Protein backbone atom coordinates (compact mmCIF):
# COMPACT_ATOMS: atom_id res chain seq x y z
CA UNK A 1 6.17 -10.13 5.32
CA UNK A 2 5.41 -6.49 4.59
CA UNK A 3 7.33 -4.12 2.34
CA UNK A 4 9.11 -2.69 5.38
CA UNK A 5 10.18 -6.13 6.59
CA UNK A 6 7.64 -6.69 9.37
CA UNK A 7 6.00 -10.09 9.87
CA UNK A 8 2.31 -9.77 8.99
CA UNK A 9 -0.73 -12.04 9.23
CA UNK A 10 -2.77 -9.85 6.91
CA UNK A 11 -4.55 -11.52 4.02
CA UNK A 12 -5.72 -8.24 2.46
CA UNK A 13 -2.47 -6.30 2.61
CA UNK A 14 -2.86 -3.01 0.80
CA UNK A 15 0.78 -3.14 -0.26
CA UNK A 16 2.17 -0.02 1.30
CA UNK A 17 4.54 0.32 4.26
CA UNK A 18 3.22 2.19 7.28
CA UNK A 19 4.79 5.66 7.17
CA UNK A 20 6.96 6.70 10.08
CA UNK A 21 5.34 10.14 9.96
CA UNK A 22 1.94 10.19 11.77
CA UNK A 23 0.61 13.01 9.55
CA UNK A 24 1.80 13.89 6.07
CA UNK A 25 0.42 15.41 2.90
CA UNK A 26 -0.33 14.00 -0.53
CA UNK A 27 0.67 15.71 -3.76
CA UNK A 28 -2.87 17.07 -4.20
CA UNK A 29 -2.78 18.71 -0.76
CA UNK A 30 -4.87 16.12 1.08
CA UNK A 31 -3.75 15.57 4.67
CA UNK A 32 -3.02 11.89 5.42
CA UNK A 33 -3.37 10.56 8.96
CA UNK A 34 -1.66 7.28 9.95
CA UNK A 35 -1.51 7.61 13.74
CA UNK A 36 -4.24 6.05 15.91
CA UNK A 37 -4.50 8.86 18.47
CA UNK A 38 -4.53 11.61 15.84
CA UNK A 39 -7.10 9.73 13.77
CA UNK A 40 -9.42 9.15 16.72
CA UNK A 41 -9.15 12.77 17.83
CA UNK A 42 -9.98 13.97 14.32
CA UNK A 43 -13.01 11.68 13.99
CA UNK A 44 -14.35 12.75 17.38
CA UNK A 45 -13.75 16.48 17.06
CA UNK A 46 -16.04 19.01 15.36
CA UNK A 47 -14.83 20.97 12.37
CA UNK A 48 -15.07 18.36 9.62
CA UNK A 49 -17.88 16.83 7.57
CA UNK A 50 -18.22 13.68 5.54
CA UNK A 51 -16.43 13.50 2.20
CA UNK A 52 -16.13 10.70 -0.31
CA UNK A 53 -18.61 7.80 -0.24
CA UNK A 54 -20.64 9.57 -2.93
CA UNK A 55 -21.37 12.61 -0.79
CA UNK A 56 -20.58 14.93 -3.68
CA UNK A 57 -23.41 13.34 -5.69
CA UNK A 58 -25.85 13.50 -2.77
CA UNK A 59 -25.12 17.21 -2.33
CA UNK A 60 -26.66 17.79 -5.76
CA UNK A 61 -30.09 16.63 -4.56
CA UNK A 62 -32.76 19.34 -4.17
CA UNK A 63 -32.60 21.04 -0.75
CA UNK A 64 -36.09 19.82 0.14
CA UNK A 65 -34.95 16.15 -0.04
CA UNK A 66 -33.71 14.91 3.32
CA UNK A 67 -30.25 13.35 3.05
CA UNK A 68 -29.57 9.83 4.37
CA UNK A 69 -27.95 9.84 7.80
CA UNK A 70 -24.54 8.92 6.41
CA UNK A 71 -24.43 12.24 4.54
CA UNK A 72 -25.63 14.49 7.33
CA UNK A 73 -23.57 16.35 9.90
CA UNK A 74 -24.06 18.64 12.86
CA UNK A 75 -27.24 18.94 14.98
CA UNK A 76 -29.56 17.19 12.50
CA UNK A 77 -27.19 14.23 12.31
CA UNK A 78 -26.92 13.99 16.09
CA UNK A 79 -30.70 14.12 16.45
CA UNK A 80 -31.20 11.41 13.83
CA UNK A 81 -28.68 9.17 15.57
CA UNK A 82 -30.31 9.81 18.95
CA UNK A 83 -33.74 8.81 17.64
CA UNK A 84 -32.56 5.61 15.95
CA UNK A 85 -29.96 4.50 18.54
CA UNK A 86 -32.43 2.13 20.16
CA UNK A 87 -32.47 -0.11 17.09
CA UNK A 88 -28.76 -0.89 17.52
CA UNK A 89 -28.15 -1.32 21.25
CA UNK A 90 -26.50 -4.61 22.29
CA UNK A 91 -29.60 -5.53 24.30
CA UNK A 92 -31.95 -5.00 21.36
CA UNK A 93 -29.64 -6.86 19.01
CA UNK A 94 -29.59 -9.81 21.39
CA UNK A 95 -33.33 -9.80 22.09
CA UNK A 96 -34.72 -8.93 18.65
CA UNK A 97 -32.19 -9.99 16.04
CA UNK A 98 -30.40 -13.05 17.38
CA UNK A 99 -33.20 -15.45 16.50
CA UNK A 100 -33.51 -14.17 12.90
CA UNK A 101 -29.71 -14.32 12.59
CA UNK A 102 -29.74 -18.00 13.59
CA UNK A 103 -32.58 -18.77 11.18
CA UNK A 104 -30.95 -16.94 8.27
CA UNK A 105 -27.54 -18.50 8.98
CA UNK A 106 -29.07 -21.98 8.98
CA UNK A 107 -30.84 -21.25 5.70
CA UNK A 108 -27.51 -20.38 4.12
CA UNK A 109 -25.84 -23.48 5.58
CA UNK A 110 -28.72 -25.62 4.28
CA UNK A 111 -27.70 -24.43 0.81
CA UNK A 112 -24.16 -25.61 1.52
CA UNK A 113 -25.37 -28.95 2.87
CA UNK A 114 -27.57 -29.53 -0.17
CA UNK A 115 -24.93 -28.71 -2.80
CA UNK A 116 -21.82 -29.87 -0.94
CA UNK A 117 -19.93 -26.71 -1.78
CA UNK A 118 -20.69 -23.04 -2.33
CA UNK A 119 -18.93 -19.69 -2.79
CA UNK A 120 -18.65 -18.23 0.70
CA UNK A 121 -19.30 -14.72 -0.64
CA UNK A 122 -22.75 -15.90 -1.80
CA UNK A 123 -23.61 -17.43 1.57
CA UNK A 124 -22.31 -14.37 3.41
CA UNK A 125 -24.26 -12.00 1.17
CA UNK A 126 -27.44 -13.97 1.77
CA UNK A 127 -26.81 -13.73 5.50
CA UNK A 128 -26.16 -9.97 5.40
CA UNK A 129 -29.18 -9.25 3.19
CA UNK A 130 -31.46 -11.19 5.50
CA UNK A 131 -30.22 -9.53 8.69
CA UNK A 132 -30.29 -5.96 7.34
CA UNK A 133 -33.76 -6.59 5.93
CA UNK A 134 -34.93 -7.53 9.43
CA UNK A 135 -33.42 -4.40 11.00
CA UNK A 136 -34.65 -2.00 8.32
CA UNK A 137 -38.00 -3.65 7.58
CA UNK A 138 -37.50 -4.90 4.01
CA UNK A 139 -39.52 -8.10 4.42
CA UNK A 140 -42.21 -7.63 1.81
CA UNK A 141 -40.40 -7.43 -1.52
CA UNK A 142 -40.50 -9.67 -4.54
CA UNK A 143 -38.01 -12.55 -4.88
CA UNK A 144 -34.63 -11.60 -6.33
CA UNK A 145 -33.37 -8.93 -3.93
CA UNK A 146 -29.87 -10.42 -4.04
CA UNK A 147 -29.61 -9.96 -7.79
CA UNK A 148 -30.98 -6.43 -7.59
CA UNK A 149 -28.44 -5.50 -4.94
CA UNK A 150 -25.59 -7.11 -6.87
CA UNK A 151 -26.47 -4.85 -9.78
CA UNK A 152 -26.55 -1.84 -7.49
CA UNK A 153 -23.16 -2.72 -5.97
CA UNK A 154 -21.17 -3.72 -9.08
CA UNK A 155 -17.66 -5.18 -9.04
CA UNK A 156 -16.29 -1.96 -10.51
CA UNK A 157 -17.74 1.49 -9.94
CA UNK A 158 -17.82 4.13 -12.61
CA UNK A 159 -17.73 7.87 -12.14
CA UNK A 160 -21.07 9.64 -12.59
CA UNK A 161 -21.39 12.57 -14.91
CA UNK A 162 -22.47 13.76 -18.32
CA UNK A 163 -19.02 14.54 -19.72
CA UNK A 164 -18.18 11.04 -20.94
CA UNK A 165 -19.95 8.01 -22.37
CA UNK A 166 -18.86 5.94 -19.38
CA UNK A 167 -20.13 8.56 -16.94
CA UNK A 168 -23.48 8.76 -18.70
CA UNK A 169 -23.75 4.96 -18.78
CA UNK A 170 -23.01 4.81 -15.03
CA UNK A 171 -25.68 7.42 -14.32
CA UNK A 172 -28.35 5.64 -16.38
CA UNK A 173 -27.42 2.27 -14.93
CA UNK A 174 -27.58 3.40 -11.31
CA UNK A 175 -30.86 5.24 -11.80
CA UNK A 176 -32.30 2.07 -13.32
CA UNK A 177 -31.03 0.02 -10.38
CA UNK A 178 -32.51 2.52 -7.90
CA UNK A 179 -35.86 2.15 -9.65
CA UNK A 180 -35.73 -1.66 -9.58
CA UNK A 181 -35.05 -1.73 -5.83
CA UNK A 182 -37.69 0.90 -5.15
CA UNK A 183 -40.42 -0.92 -7.09
CA UNK A 184 -39.57 -4.46 -5.97
CA UNK A 185 -38.40 -3.98 -2.39
CA UNK A 186 -38.85 -0.55 -0.82
CA UNK A 187 -42.31 0.41 -2.09
CA UNK A 188 -43.91 -2.90 -0.98
CA UNK A 189 -42.30 -2.45 2.45
CA UNK A 190 -43.57 1.13 2.74
CA UNK A 191 -47.11 0.04 1.86
CA UNK A 192 -47.02 -2.77 4.43
CA UNK A 193 -45.72 -0.42 7.12
CA UNK A 194 -48.40 2.14 6.34
CA UNK A 195 -51.05 -0.53 6.84
CA UNK A 196 -49.51 -1.64 10.13
CA UNK A 197 -46.73 0.04 12.09
CA UNK A 198 -43.65 -2.03 12.92
CA UNK A 199 -40.88 -1.48 15.43
CA UNK A 200 -38.18 -0.93 12.83
CA UNK A 201 -36.41 1.75 10.82
CA UNK A 202 -38.98 2.15 8.02
CA UNK A 203 -41.81 2.76 10.49
CA UNK A 204 -39.63 5.33 12.25
CA UNK A 205 -38.93 7.12 8.97
CA UNK A 206 -42.63 7.13 8.07
CA UNK A 207 -43.44 8.62 11.47
CA UNK A 208 -40.86 11.32 10.74
CA UNK A 209 -42.76 12.21 7.56
CA UNK A 210 -40.11 10.98 5.13
CA UNK A 211 -41.05 10.57 1.49
CA UNK A 212 -40.67 7.35 -0.47
CA UNK A 213 -37.53 8.72 -2.13
CA UNK A 214 -36.00 9.60 1.24
CA UNK A 215 -36.80 6.15 2.65
CA UNK A 216 -35.25 4.56 -0.44
CA UNK A 217 -32.07 6.56 0.16
CA UNK A 218 -31.88 5.44 3.80
CA UNK A 219 -32.50 1.79 2.85
CA UNK A 220 -29.73 1.84 0.26
CA UNK A 221 -27.38 3.53 2.72
CA UNK A 222 -27.98 0.79 5.26
CA UNK A 223 -27.63 -1.81 2.52
CA UNK A 224 -24.22 -0.47 1.56
CA UNK A 225 -23.08 -0.15 5.16
CA UNK A 226 -24.47 -3.43 6.46
CA UNK A 227 -24.55 -5.86 3.57
CA UNK A 228 -21.44 -5.42 1.47
CA UNK A 229 -19.02 -4.79 4.33
CA UNK A 230 -20.34 -7.72 6.37
CA UNK A 231 -20.06 -10.04 3.38
CA UNK A 232 -16.41 -9.17 2.96
CA UNK A 233 -15.58 -9.50 6.64
CA UNK A 234 -17.26 -12.91 6.92
CA UNK A 235 -15.09 -14.13 4.04
CA UNK A 236 -11.93 -12.55 5.43
CA UNK A 237 -12.47 -13.96 8.93
CA UNK A 238 -13.22 -17.43 7.57
CA UNK A 239 -10.05 -17.31 5.46
CA UNK A 240 -8.00 -16.58 8.57
CA UNK A 241 -9.66 -19.39 10.49
CA UNK A 242 -9.24 -21.92 7.69
CA UNK A 243 -5.57 -20.96 7.39
CA UNK A 244 -4.60 -20.97 11.08
CA UNK A 245 -5.28 -24.23 12.95
CA UNK A 246 -4.37 -22.74 16.33
CA UNK A 247 -6.65 -19.74 15.86
CA UNK A 248 -9.47 -22.01 14.64
CA UNK A 249 -9.12 -24.24 17.71
CA UNK A 250 -9.22 -21.14 19.92
CA UNK A 251 -12.36 -19.91 18.14
CA UNK A 252 -14.11 -23.28 18.23
CA UNK A 253 -13.49 -23.87 21.93
CA UNK A 254 -14.17 -20.32 23.17
CA UNK A 255 -17.48 -19.07 24.51
CA UNK A 256 -19.31 -16.34 22.60
CA UNK A 257 -17.37 -13.53 24.27
CA UNK A 258 -14.12 -15.24 23.33
CA UNK A 259 -15.23 -15.76 19.74
CA UNK A 260 -16.26 -12.12 19.43
CA UNK A 261 -12.81 -11.13 20.72
CA UNK A 262 -11.25 -13.13 17.87
CA UNK A 263 -13.47 -11.34 15.35
CA UNK A 264 -12.71 -7.91 16.78
CA UNK A 265 -9.01 -8.60 16.55
CA UNK A 266 -9.31 -9.79 12.95
CA UNK A 267 -11.29 -6.68 12.07
CA UNK A 268 -8.71 -4.45 13.76
CA UNK A 269 -6.00 -6.11 11.69
CA UNK A 270 -8.06 -6.10 8.49
CA UNK A 271 -10.49 -3.15 8.39
CA UNK A 272 -12.92 -3.69 5.50
CA UNK A 273 -12.76 -0.01 4.51
CA UNK A 274 -9.21 1.27 4.40
CA UNK A 275 -9.79 5.03 4.28
CA UNK A 276 -12.21 7.55 5.71
CA UNK A 277 -12.30 10.98 4.09
CA UNK A 278 -13.31 14.24 5.74
CA UNK A 279 -13.54 17.87 4.59
CA UNK A 280 -12.68 20.67 7.02
CA UNK A 281 -15.35 23.33 7.48
CA UNK A 282 -13.30 25.22 10.06
CA UNK A 283 -9.66 25.20 11.06
CA UNK A 284 -8.65 21.85 12.58
CA UNK A 285 -5.39 21.25 14.43
CA UNK A 286 -3.62 17.90 14.09
CA UNK A 287 -0.57 16.71 16.01
CA UNK A 288 2.23 16.49 13.47
CA UNK A 289 5.80 15.15 13.90
CA UNK A 290 7.23 18.62 14.36
CA UNK A 291 4.35 20.10 16.33
CA UNK A 292 0.73 20.95 15.49
CA UNK A 293 -0.36 21.44 11.88
CA UNK A 294 -3.52 23.24 10.79
CA UNK A 295 -6.03 21.90 8.30
CA UNK A 296 -7.71 24.92 6.74
CA UNK A 297 -11.41 25.11 5.81
CA UNK A 298 -12.03 23.42 2.48
CA UNK A 299 -9.05 21.08 2.77
CA UNK A 300 -9.44 17.30 2.88
CA UNK A 301 -8.17 14.77 5.39
CA UNK A 302 -7.87 11.02 4.80
CA UNK A 303 -7.63 8.67 7.75
CA UNK A 304 -5.78 5.49 6.81
CA UNK A 305 -7.51 2.98 9.05
CA UNK A 306 -5.18 0.10 8.26
CA UNK A 307 -2.22 2.21 9.40
CA UNK A 308 -3.96 3.60 12.49
CA UNK A 309 -5.05 0.12 13.58
CA UNK A 310 -1.43 -1.07 13.31
CA UNK A 311 -0.04 1.72 15.49
CA UNK A 312 2.00 -0.13 18.15
CA UNK A 313 1.65 2.75 20.60
CA UNK A 314 -2.11 2.24 20.61
CA UNK A 315 -2.53 -1.51 20.05
CA UNK A 316 0.64 -3.01 21.50
CA UNK A 317 3.55 -4.99 20.14
CA UNK A 318 3.35 -7.09 16.98
CA UNK A 319 0.41 -5.06 15.64
CA UNK A 320 0.30 -7.05 12.38
CA UNK A 321 -0.22 -10.37 14.14
CA UNK A 322 -3.50 -11.84 15.41
CA UNK A 323 -3.69 -11.72 19.20
CA UNK A 324 -7.29 -12.03 20.44
CA UNK A 325 -6.34 -11.08 23.99
CA UNK A 326 -5.65 -7.50 22.89
CA UNK A 327 -9.29 -7.04 21.81
CA UNK A 328 -10.36 -6.36 25.41
CA UNK A 329 -8.25 -3.20 25.40
CA UNK A 330 -8.53 -1.95 21.82
CA UNK A 331 -11.56 -3.77 20.38
CA UNK A 332 -11.72 -3.47 16.60
CA UNK A 333 -9.62 -0.30 16.62
CA UNK A 334 -11.09 2.30 14.29
CA UNK A 335 -12.56 -0.22 11.86
CA UNK A 336 -16.09 0.98 12.62
CA UNK A 337 -14.97 4.61 12.57
CA UNK A 338 -15.32 6.82 15.63
CA UNK A 339 -17.07 9.93 16.81
CA UNK A 340 -20.48 11.05 15.50
CA UNK A 341 -20.27 8.83 12.40
CA UNK A 342 -19.16 5.64 14.15
CA UNK A 343 -21.04 2.74 12.55
CA UNK A 344 -24.22 2.16 14.58
CA UNK A 345 -24.46 -1.45 13.42
CA UNK A 346 -21.11 -2.58 14.84
CA UNK A 347 -22.63 -5.04 17.32
CA UNK A 348 -25.01 -6.40 14.69
CA UNK A 349 -22.18 -7.04 12.23
CA UNK A 350 -20.00 -8.85 14.77
CA UNK A 351 -22.82 -10.96 16.18
CA UNK A 352 -24.18 -12.08 12.81
CA UNK A 353 -20.66 -12.96 11.69
CA UNK A 354 -20.19 -15.09 14.81
CA UNK A 355 -23.62 -16.71 14.54
CA UNK A 356 -22.78 -17.78 10.99
CA UNK A 357 -19.11 -18.75 11.40
CA UNK A 358 -19.58 -20.64 14.65
CA UNK A 359 -22.13 -22.83 12.87
CA UNK A 360 -20.07 -23.13 9.70
CA UNK A 361 -17.03 -24.37 11.61
CA UNK A 362 -19.18 -26.77 13.64
CA UNK A 363 -19.86 -28.72 10.43
CA UNK A 364 -17.82 -31.93 10.27
CA UNK A 365 -15.08 -31.80 7.68
CA UNK A 366 -15.81 -28.32 6.38
CA UNK A 367 -12.87 -27.06 4.35
CA UNK A 368 -11.81 -24.26 2.07
CA UNK A 369 -11.34 -25.19 -1.56
CA UNK A 370 -9.83 -23.01 -4.23
CA UNK A 371 -7.39 -20.18 -3.69
CA UNK A 372 -9.03 -16.94 -2.54
CA UNK A 373 -7.84 -13.70 -4.07
CA UNK A 374 -8.19 -10.09 -2.98
CA UNK A 375 -9.27 -7.09 -5.02
CA UNK A 376 -9.70 -3.52 -3.81
CA UNK A 377 -12.29 -0.83 -4.43
CA UNK A 378 -10.15 2.22 -5.05
CA UNK A 379 -12.73 4.78 -3.92
CA UNK A 380 -12.77 3.50 -0.31
CA UNK A 381 -9.71 1.24 -0.34
CA UNK A 382 -12.04 -1.58 0.61
CA UNK A 383 -11.16 -5.21 0.03
CA UNK A 384 -13.20 -7.84 -1.77
CA UNK A 385 -12.52 -11.52 -1.10
CA UNK A 386 -13.35 -13.71 -4.07
CA UNK A 387 -13.06 -17.40 -5.07
CA UNK A 388 -13.23 -18.65 -1.50
CA UNK A 389 -15.32 -21.81 -1.80
CA UNK A 390 -16.38 -23.87 1.20
CA UNK A 391 -16.99 -27.59 0.82
CA UNK A 392 -18.22 -30.53 2.85
CA UNK A 393 -17.24 -34.19 2.56
CA UNK A 394 -19.88 -36.31 0.84
CA UNK A 395 -20.96 -37.86 4.13
CA UNK A 396 -21.80 -34.40 5.49
CA UNK A 397 -24.06 -33.36 2.65
CA UNK A 398 -27.82 -33.27 2.99
C-alpha cells in the first residue's frame, strides 16, 4: 500500500505519493516532471543537455579531452551513437553476446552450486562484469576486476572538491581507483587491441584516435551504465519472482519472448534509476496543468521516472501492479530513458538478466534466504538491493 492508499507491488518504493500535478516546481526552482507524455516529449526534444550523473565534474576536463558519450550532446553525440549503434542491435546481441552470456551465467551458478548459497548481488555483479567486458573489450586485465570496480562504485558517494576534508578524500580516492582500473584492466586491453583489431568498442575508439585517458573514461561510463544497474535489476526481478508464486510460474513456463515481457514489466514498475536530470540551453515548453509552462535557459528539469512509469493514462489501469501483458504496448516505460540519450544497451541488459534468471529458477529447490532490504543512492534516486541470498537444498549442491 502506498502513501496515497493505492495497492502497490513495488519492492523498492521510494516513499512518496505520485503528485496529481504533471509538472510542478521544487523550492530551488527545479522543474519536476511526473507525467509520462510530458517526460517523453522532454527527453526527445532538443533544447536540453545532460545534467547530474557527474557531468559537472566532467565539464572541468581540458577542452582537448574528448568526453564520454554519456556527457556529450548535439551533433557530436548523435554521430558517436550512429557509429557505435551496431554493437547494440538486437541481432548483434543475439548472434555475438548470447553465447558468452550463457557461459558467464553458468560460471556464476557453478559458484552457487559449489557453496550451496551465495549473495545474489555478487552473482549478478559477476554476470554484469563479464557481459560488459565482452561488449567493450576488457578481456585482458589482471584478476580482481570485481574488487577494483567495487572500490570505484562505493556504497556511499562523497562530493568531490577541495573545500572539505571529505571532498578531498573523495577526490584522492577516486583518482586512485581510476589509476588501478587503468593499469590493471584498460591499459592491457588497449595494448592487446593495438596488436590485433577486434570487433568491439575499444577497437572502434582506437580507430577514432582516442587517447588512453579517453578510452578509460568510456570504459568506466559503460561500466557504470551496464554493470551496476544490471546487478540491481537482476536482484529486484528475482525478489519479485521469489515472492510471487503465480508470477514465477508464468515466467518459468513462458517462452523467451514471454519471459522478457515479464522483465520489461518489472522494470517499468521498478526503474533502477529514479530520476533523470536535464539543463535547458534554450527555452523549452512543457504541458502544465493550467496550460504550457516555459523552462528558461539555465534552469533544470528532473524527470521522475517512477512517477512517469506509473501514469495510468500511459500504462493502463492498476499501474502499480505487475501485469506482463501490458509490456507489449508500453515495454519498460521510460526506464531506459528516451530520445538521444536512451540507453543503447537496453536489449543486452534484458537478455542477460533473462539468461541468468531462467537458469537460476530452473535449479531444483532454489530459494531465497534472508530478508532483502533496499537502500537508495540519493544522487540518482537509484535503488540497491542487499542481503538477498539464494540457496540450494543439499541434494542440489555440486
